[in-house]
Amino acid sequence: MHLKSFVVLSIMCLLVFNSGIAQDLSSEKPDKEKKEKVKMNVFKVNLTSLALNNFSFQYERMLSKSVSASLGVRFMPLGKPPLQSTLKSIADGDSAIERIVNDASIGNFALTPELRFYVGRKGYGRGFYVAPFYRYAKFKLNSLPLEYDGNAGKKIVNLSGDITANTGGLLFGAQWFLGKSITLDWWILGAHYGKSNGTFTGIPSTPFTQTEQADIKQEIEDIDLPAGKITAVVTSNSAKAIIDGPWAGLRGGITFGIRF
């Protein structure tokens, strides 16, 4: 082969090769641009929890088309129970319950990591999903009045403390895109179950007598819990209610989010 022929053939092969690369790059470019347009993060606010004085937020990160990971944070500042008028109407004149509603302060904090599996075709955070989750929650209760028989008649000691719960559960929900950047996430129904423990302590203004200690112990042990057990430890200087047992709850709500 002459040198000129070899050079011409080499140049032609190089042009063909470069053309093929250009075609491959041009065919991949739209897919790359499409992937770049997918917004993989959502920050959400739970609006329904605001009615109960709870502030609930969630961050969701897409891991793939059909799987995402989320972390939820919820807190309620320590204060008077929400819906006091409703609680008093339920009490129906029960002075002990009304005293709790009027005097007690409550607050809570919870962390909820979850893994979501989107079952629809659209994916990337859109459609029906199933989400197993874990929840760590801490509930604080101050000034819970406990009435007992004193030497001079009825007396009250205020108990304060907290309960910690660790639970696992499953949530069913659906998420929609409202425009390019807004989401509507409906937590249709979720249930969780696990274990809890806590201690509530009351300090008397004057030391308890032997008779008062026995009466307070009985009052604590007579508290009707839906599940678990309550143990009373009473001395002349303090009264403790120790709670240990299962914990269960439900999840639901509507959140609005921003995709980015």
Foldseek 3Di string as FASTA:
>chain_A
DDPVVVVVVVVVVVVVVVVVVVVVCVVCVVVVVVVVLQFFKKKKWFPVCVQFQKTKIKIWGDPDQFKIKMKMKIKHPKAQGGPLVVQVVVCVPVPLSNCQNVFKIKMKIKMKIKMWGADDDRGSQFFKIKIKIKMKMKMWMWQNWFWWADPVGIDIWGKTKMKIWIKIKMWIWGKDDDPSWKMKIWRPKMKIKGKMKMKIKTFDPFFGDPVRQVGSQVSLQPDDDPFFHWHWDDDRGMIMIITIGMDMDMDTGMMMITTD
